[in-house]
Amino acid sequence: MCAVLALAGAVVAQVGLASEQAVGQVAASSGPELVVPAADPWPEGEGSEIARRACHDCHDPIVITASRLTAAQWSARVDAMLAKGAKVEDEEIDVLIDYLATRFGPNP
């Protein structure tokens, strides 16, 4: 039990140390390396601002970035989100779908 608590304490210390490090760098410590993920999960490109605004407000980015859907599947997903109130202008829809399919498709 004490070993588990000591390990949990080490993990908490690592997380605290990592939060003080620059984003995207490996935290320096005597324990295991902890890589802090980049702050912005949305790759640059036409549509990234739309995705950031329309998707990120309701979803953790990993839900989107790990989906790996085809263009047709992204189109259906975007349509479903629009039906639920996603804020995307009509002229932005195709740009958003293209961005998602290109960056987070089955073969990015």
N, C-alpha and C. Protein backbone atom coordinates (compact mmCIF):
# COMPACT_ATOMS: atom_id res chain seq x y z
N MET A 1 0.82 -1.19 0.00
CA MET A 1 0.00 0.00 0.00
C MET A 1 0.86 1.25 0.00
N CYS A 2 1.94 1.24 0.82
CA CYS A 2 2.84 2.39 0.90
C CYS A 2 3.51 2.64 -0.44
N ALA A 3 3.86 1.54 -1.15
CA ALA A 3 4.50 1.69 -2.46
C ALA A 3 3.56 2.34 -3.46
N VAL A 4 2.28 1.99 -3.40
CA VAL A 4 1.30 2.59 -4.29
C VAL A 4 1.15 4.08 -4.00
N LEU A 5 1.10 4.43 -2.73
CA LEU A 5 0.99 5.84 -2.36
C LEU A 5 2.23 6.62 -2.76
N ALA A 6 3.40 6.01 -2.62
CA ALA A 6 4.64 6.67 -3.02
C ALA A 6 4.65 6.89 -4.53
N LEU A 7 4.21 5.89 -5.29
CA LEU A 7 4.14 6.03 -6.74
C LEU A 7 3.15 7.12 -7.14
N ALA A 8 2.00 7.14 -6.49
CA ALA A 8 1.01 8.18 -6.78
C ALA A 8 1.58 9.56 -6.48
N GLY A 9 2.31 9.68 -5.38
CA GLY A 9 2.94 10.96 -5.05
C GLY A 9 3.96 11.37 -6.09
N ALA A 10 4.71 10.40 -6.62
CA ALA A 10 5.71 10.70 -7.66
C ALA A 10 5.03 11.17 -8.94
N VAL A 11 3.92 10.54 -9.28
CA VAL A 11 3.19 10.95 -10.48
C VAL A 11 2.66 12.36 -10.32
N VAL A 12 2.09 12.67 -9.18
CA VAL A 12 1.57 14.01 -8.93
C VAL A 12 2.71 15.02 -9.01
N ALA A 13 3.87 14.68 -8.45
CA ALA A 13 5.02 15.58 -8.51
C ALA A 13 5.46 15.78 -9.94
N GLN A 14 5.45 14.72 -10.76
CA GLN A 14 5.83 14.82 -12.17
C GLN A 14 4.88 15.73 -12.93
N VAL A 15 3.59 15.57 -12.67
CA VAL A 15 2.60 16.40 -13.35
C VAL A 15 2.79 17.86 -12.97
N GLY A 16 3.02 18.12 -11.71
CA GLY A 16 3.27 19.49 -11.26
C GLY A 16 4.51 20.06 -11.89
N LEU A 17 5.58 19.26 -11.97
CA LEU A 17 6.82 19.71 -12.60
C LEU A 17 6.60 19.96 -14.08
N ALA A 18 5.85 19.07 -14.74
CA ALA A 18 5.61 19.21 -16.17
C ALA A 18 4.83 20.48 -16.48
N SER A 19 3.91 20.85 -15.60
CA SER A 19 3.12 22.05 -15.86
C SER A 19 3.97 23.30 -15.81
N GLU A 20 5.12 23.22 -15.15
CA GLU A 20 6.01 24.36 -15.07
C GLU A 20 6.98 24.41 -16.25
N GLN A 21 7.06 23.34 -17.02
CA GLN A 21 7.96 23.27 -18.16
C GLN A 21 7.29 23.90 -19.38
N ALA A 22 8.09 24.20 -20.39
CA ALA A 22 7.54 24.72 -21.65
C ALA A 22 6.71 23.65 -22.31
N VAL A 23 5.62 24.05 -22.94
CA VAL A 23 4.72 23.11 -23.61
C VAL A 23 5.47 22.41 -24.72
N GLY A 24 5.27 21.08 -24.83
CA GLY A 24 5.87 20.30 -25.89
C GLY A 24 7.28 19.83 -25.58
N GLN A 25 7.81 20.10 -24.39
CA GLN A 25 9.15 19.67 -24.04
C GLN A 25 9.09 18.59 -22.99
N VAL A 26 10.16 17.81 -22.89
CA VAL A 26 10.25 16.76 -21.90
C VAL A 26 10.63 17.38 -20.57
N ALA A 27 9.90 17.03 -19.53
CA ALA A 27 10.19 17.56 -18.20
C ALA A 27 11.46 16.92 -17.67
N ALA A 28 12.37 17.73 -17.16
CA ALA A 28 13.62 17.22 -16.60
C ALA A 28 13.39 16.85 -15.14
N SER A 29 13.70 15.60 -14.79
CA SER A 29 13.57 15.16 -13.42
C SER A 29 14.37 13.88 -13.26
N SER A 30 14.47 13.41 -12.05
CA SER A 30 15.18 12.17 -11.81
C SER A 30 14.28 10.96 -12.06
N GLY A 31 13.00 11.17 -12.23
CA GLY A 31 12.06 10.08 -12.46
C GLY A 31 11.84 9.83 -13.94
N PRO A 32 10.81 9.09 -14.27
CA PRO A 32 10.51 8.81 -15.68
C PRO A 32 10.19 10.09 -16.43
N GLU A 33 10.48 10.07 -17.74
CA GLU A 33 10.21 11.25 -18.56
C GLU A 33 8.72 11.43 -18.75
N LEU A 34 8.29 12.66 -18.70
CA LEU A 34 6.89 12.99 -18.91
C LEU A 34 6.84 14.04 -20.00
N VAL A 35 6.18 13.74 -21.11
CA VAL A 35 6.08 14.67 -22.21
C VAL A 35 4.76 15.41 -22.10
N VAL A 36 4.83 16.73 -22.12
CA VAL A 36 3.65 17.57 -22.04
C VAL A 36 3.15 17.77 -23.47
N PRO A 37 1.88 17.45 -23.76
CA PRO A 37 1.38 17.61 -25.13
C PRO A 37 1.34 19.08 -25.53
N ALA A 38 1.41 19.30 -26.84
CA ALA A 38 1.32 20.66 -27.38
C ALA A 38 -0.02 21.26 -26.99
N ALA A 39 -0.03 22.56 -26.79
CA ALA A 39 -1.24 23.26 -26.35
C ALA A 39 -2.33 23.27 -27.41
N ASP A 40 -1.96 23.31 -28.68
CA ASP A 40 -2.95 23.42 -29.75
C ASP A 40 -2.97 22.16 -30.59
N PRO A 41 -4.01 21.33 -30.46
CA PRO A 41 -4.07 20.07 -31.19
C PRO A 41 -4.52 20.21 -32.65
N TRP A 42 -4.86 21.42 -33.06
CA TRP A 42 -5.40 21.63 -34.40
C TRP A 42 -4.27 22.01 -35.35
N PRO A 43 -3.88 21.11 -36.27
CA PRO A 43 -2.85 21.45 -37.25
C PRO A 43 -3.29 22.64 -38.09
N GLU A 44 -2.32 23.48 -38.43
CA GLU A 44 -2.62 24.65 -39.26
C GLU A 44 -3.17 24.22 -40.61
N GLY A 45 -3.92 25.07 -41.22
CA GLY A 45 -4.50 24.82 -42.52
C GLY A 45 -5.86 25.48 -42.62
N GLU A 46 -6.31 25.65 -43.85
CA GLU A 46 -7.62 26.24 -44.05
C GLU A 46 -8.66 25.37 -43.34
N GLY A 47 -9.39 25.95 -42.45
CA GLY A 47 -10.41 25.24 -41.68
C GLY A 47 -10.02 25.02 -40.23
N SER A 48 -8.74 25.23 -39.88
CA SER A 48 -8.32 24.98 -38.50
C SER A 48 -9.02 25.92 -37.53
N GLU A 49 -9.20 27.17 -37.91
CA GLU A 49 -9.89 28.12 -37.03
C GLU A 49 -11.36 27.76 -36.87
N ILE A 50 -11.96 27.26 -37.94
CA ILE A 50 -13.36 26.85 -37.86
C ILE A 50 -13.49 25.66 -36.90
N ALA A 51 -12.61 24.67 -37.06
CA ALA A 51 -12.64 23.49 -36.19
C ALA A 51 -12.39 23.89 -34.74
N ARG A 52 -11.41 24.74 -34.54
CA ARG A 52 -11.08 25.18 -33.19
C ARG A 52 -12.30 25.83 -32.53
N ARG A 53 -12.97 26.67 -33.28
CA ARG A 53 -14.13 27.40 -32.75
C ARG A 53 -15.35 26.48 -32.62
N ALA A 54 -15.65 25.71 -33.65
CA ALA A 54 -16.90 24.95 -33.69
C ALA A 54 -16.84 23.64 -32.90
N CYS A 55 -15.69 23.00 -32.88
CA CYS A 55 -15.59 21.68 -32.26
C CYS A 55 -15.06 21.75 -30.83
N HIS A 56 -14.04 22.55 -30.66
CA HIS A 56 -13.31 22.60 -29.39
C HIS A 56 -14.17 23.10 -28.23
N ASP A 57 -15.17 23.89 -28.50
CA ASP A 57 -16.02 24.41 -27.42
C ASP A 57 -16.80 23.30 -26.71
N CYS A 58 -17.17 22.26 -27.44
CA CYS A 58 -17.98 21.19 -26.85
C CYS A 58 -17.23 19.88 -26.65
N HIS A 59 -16.15 19.68 -27.39
CA HIS A 59 -15.46 18.39 -27.37
C HIS A 59 -14.01 18.55 -26.97
N ASP A 60 -13.52 17.58 -26.21
CA ASP A 60 -12.09 17.48 -25.99
C ASP A 60 -11.49 17.18 -27.37
N PRO A 61 -10.42 17.86 -27.74
CA PRO A 61 -9.86 17.66 -29.09
C PRO A 61 -9.54 16.21 -29.42
N ILE A 62 -9.19 15.40 -28.45
CA ILE A 62 -8.85 14.00 -28.74
C ILE A 62 -10.04 13.26 -29.36
N VAL A 63 -11.26 13.67 -29.02
CA VAL A 63 -12.45 13.04 -29.60
C VAL A 63 -12.45 13.24 -31.11
N ILE A 64 -12.03 14.40 -31.56
CA ILE A 64 -12.00 14.71 -32.99
C ILE A 64 -10.73 14.18 -33.63
N THR A 65 -9.59 14.49 -33.04
CA THR A 65 -8.31 14.18 -33.67
C THR A 65 -8.03 12.68 -33.76
N ALA A 66 -8.65 11.88 -32.93
CA ALA A 66 -8.43 10.44 -32.97
C ALA A 66 -9.50 9.70 -33.78
N SER A 67 -10.47 10.41 -34.33
CA SER A 67 -11.60 9.75 -34.99
C SER A 67 -11.22 9.04 -36.29
N ARG A 68 -10.39 9.64 -37.12
CA ARG A 68 -9.93 9.05 -38.38
C ARG A 68 -11.08 8.58 -39.27
N LEU A 69 -11.95 9.54 -39.61
CA LEU A 69 -13.12 9.26 -40.45
C LEU A 69 -12.85 9.65 -41.89
N THR A 70 -13.61 9.05 -42.80
CA THR A 70 -13.54 9.43 -44.21
C THR A 70 -14.27 10.76 -44.40
N ALA A 71 -14.13 11.35 -45.57
CA ALA A 71 -14.82 12.61 -45.86
C ALA A 71 -16.33 12.44 -45.72
N ALA A 72 -16.86 11.33 -46.22
CA ALA A 72 -18.31 11.09 -46.10
C ALA A 72 -18.73 10.96 -44.64
N GLN A 73 -17.91 10.29 -43.85
CA GLN A 73 -18.22 10.15 -42.43
C GLN A 73 -18.11 11.49 -41.69
N TRP A 74 -17.09 12.29 -42.04
CA TRP A 74 -16.98 13.62 -41.43
C TRP A 74 -18.17 14.48 -41.82
N SER A 75 -18.62 14.36 -43.07
CA SER A 75 -19.78 15.12 -43.52
C SER A 75 -21.01 14.77 -42.69
N ALA A 76 -21.23 13.49 -42.47
CA ALA A 76 -22.36 13.05 -41.66
C ALA A 76 -22.21 13.53 -40.22
N ARG A 77 -20.99 13.48 -39.69
CA ARG A 77 -20.74 13.91 -38.31
C ARG A 77 -20.98 15.41 -38.17
N VAL A 78 -20.50 16.18 -39.14
CA VAL A 78 -20.71 17.63 -39.11
C VAL A 78 -22.20 17.94 -39.20
N ASP A 79 -22.91 17.26 -40.09
CA ASP A 79 -24.36 17.46 -40.20
C ASP A 79 -25.05 17.18 -38.86
N ALA A 80 -24.63 16.12 -38.18
CA ALA A 80 -25.23 15.78 -36.88
C ALA A 80 -24.94 16.86 -35.85
N MET A 81 -23.73 17.41 -35.89
CA MET A 81 -23.38 18.46 -34.92
C MET A 81 -24.11 19.77 -35.24
N LEU A 82 -24.30 20.05 -36.51
CA LEU A 82 -25.08 21.23 -36.90
C LEU A 82 -26.52 21.11 -36.39
N ALA A 83 -27.07 19.90 -36.49
CA ALA A 83 -28.43 19.66 -36.00
C ALA A 83 -28.52 19.86 -34.49
N LYS A 84 -27.40 19.68 -33.80
CA LYS A 84 -27.36 19.88 -32.34
C LYS A 84 -26.97 21.29 -31.95
N GLY A 85 -26.78 22.16 -32.96
CA GLY A 85 -26.52 23.56 -32.65
C GLY A 85 -25.11 24.06 -32.84
N ALA A 86 -24.23 23.27 -33.48
CA ALA A 86 -22.87 23.74 -33.73
C ALA A 86 -22.92 25.03 -34.54
N LYS A 87 -22.06 25.96 -34.19
CA LYS A 87 -22.04 27.28 -34.82
C LYS A 87 -21.05 27.29 -35.99
N VAL A 88 -21.56 26.93 -37.17
CA VAL A 88 -20.76 26.94 -38.39
C VAL A 88 -21.61 27.60 -39.47
N GLU A 89 -21.04 28.60 -40.11
CA GLU A 89 -21.75 29.29 -41.20
C GLU A 89 -21.85 28.36 -42.41
N ASP A 90 -22.88 28.56 -43.23
CA ASP A 90 -23.09 27.71 -44.41
C ASP A 90 -21.85 27.64 -45.29
N GLU A 91 -21.18 28.79 -45.49
CA GLU A 91 -20.01 28.82 -46.37
C GLU A 91 -18.77 28.18 -45.73
N GLU A 92 -18.85 27.84 -44.46
CA GLU A 92 -17.72 27.22 -43.77
C GLU A 92 -17.81 25.69 -43.72
N ILE A 93 -18.98 25.14 -43.99
CA ILE A 93 -19.21 23.72 -43.81
C ILE A 93 -18.27 22.86 -44.66
N ASP A 94 -18.19 23.14 -45.95
CA ASP A 94 -17.33 22.34 -46.83
C ASP A 94 -15.86 22.50 -46.45
N VAL A 95 -15.47 23.70 -46.05
CA VAL A 95 -14.09 23.94 -45.63
C VAL A 95 -13.78 23.11 -44.39
N LEU A 96 -14.70 23.08 -43.44
CA LEU A 96 -14.52 22.31 -42.21
C LEU A 96 -14.43 20.82 -42.52
N ILE A 97 -15.32 20.31 -43.33
CA ILE A 97 -15.30 18.89 -43.66
C ILE A 97 -14.00 18.52 -44.36
N ASP A 98 -13.55 19.35 -45.29
CA ASP A 98 -12.29 19.09 -45.99
C ASP A 98 -11.12 19.09 -45.01
N TYR A 99 -11.11 20.05 -44.11
CA TYR A 99 -10.04 20.13 -43.10
C TYR A 99 -10.02 18.87 -42.24
N LEU A 100 -11.19 18.47 -41.72
CA LEU A 100 -11.26 17.31 -40.87
C LEU A 100 -10.85 16.04 -41.61
N ALA A 101 -11.32 15.88 -42.84
CA ALA A 101 -11.00 14.69 -43.62
C ALA A 101 -9.53 14.65 -43.99
N THR A 102 -8.94 15.80 -44.26
CA THR A 102 -7.52 15.86 -44.64
C THR A 102 -6.62 15.63 -43.43
N ARG A 103 -6.93 16.27 -42.33
CA ARG A 103 -6.06 16.20 -41.15
C ARG A 103 -6.35 15.00 -40.25
N PHE A 104 -7.63 14.57 -40.23
CA PHE A 104 -8.03 13.50 -39.32
C PHE A 104 -8.79 12.40 -40.04
N GLY A 105 -8.38 12.13 -41.26
CA GLY A 105 -8.98 11.05 -42.05
C GLY A 105 -8.27 9.75 -41.78
N PRO A 106 -8.68 8.70 -42.48
CA PRO A 106 -8.07 7.39 -42.26
C PRO A 106 -6.59 7.35 -42.66
N ASN A 107 -6.20 8.20 -43.59
CA ASN A 107 -4.82 8.26 -44.06
C ASN A 107 -4.32 9.69 -44.06
N PRO A 108 -4.13 10.27 -42.89
CA PRO A 108 -3.73 11.69 -42.82
C PRO A 108 -2.36 11.95 -43.42
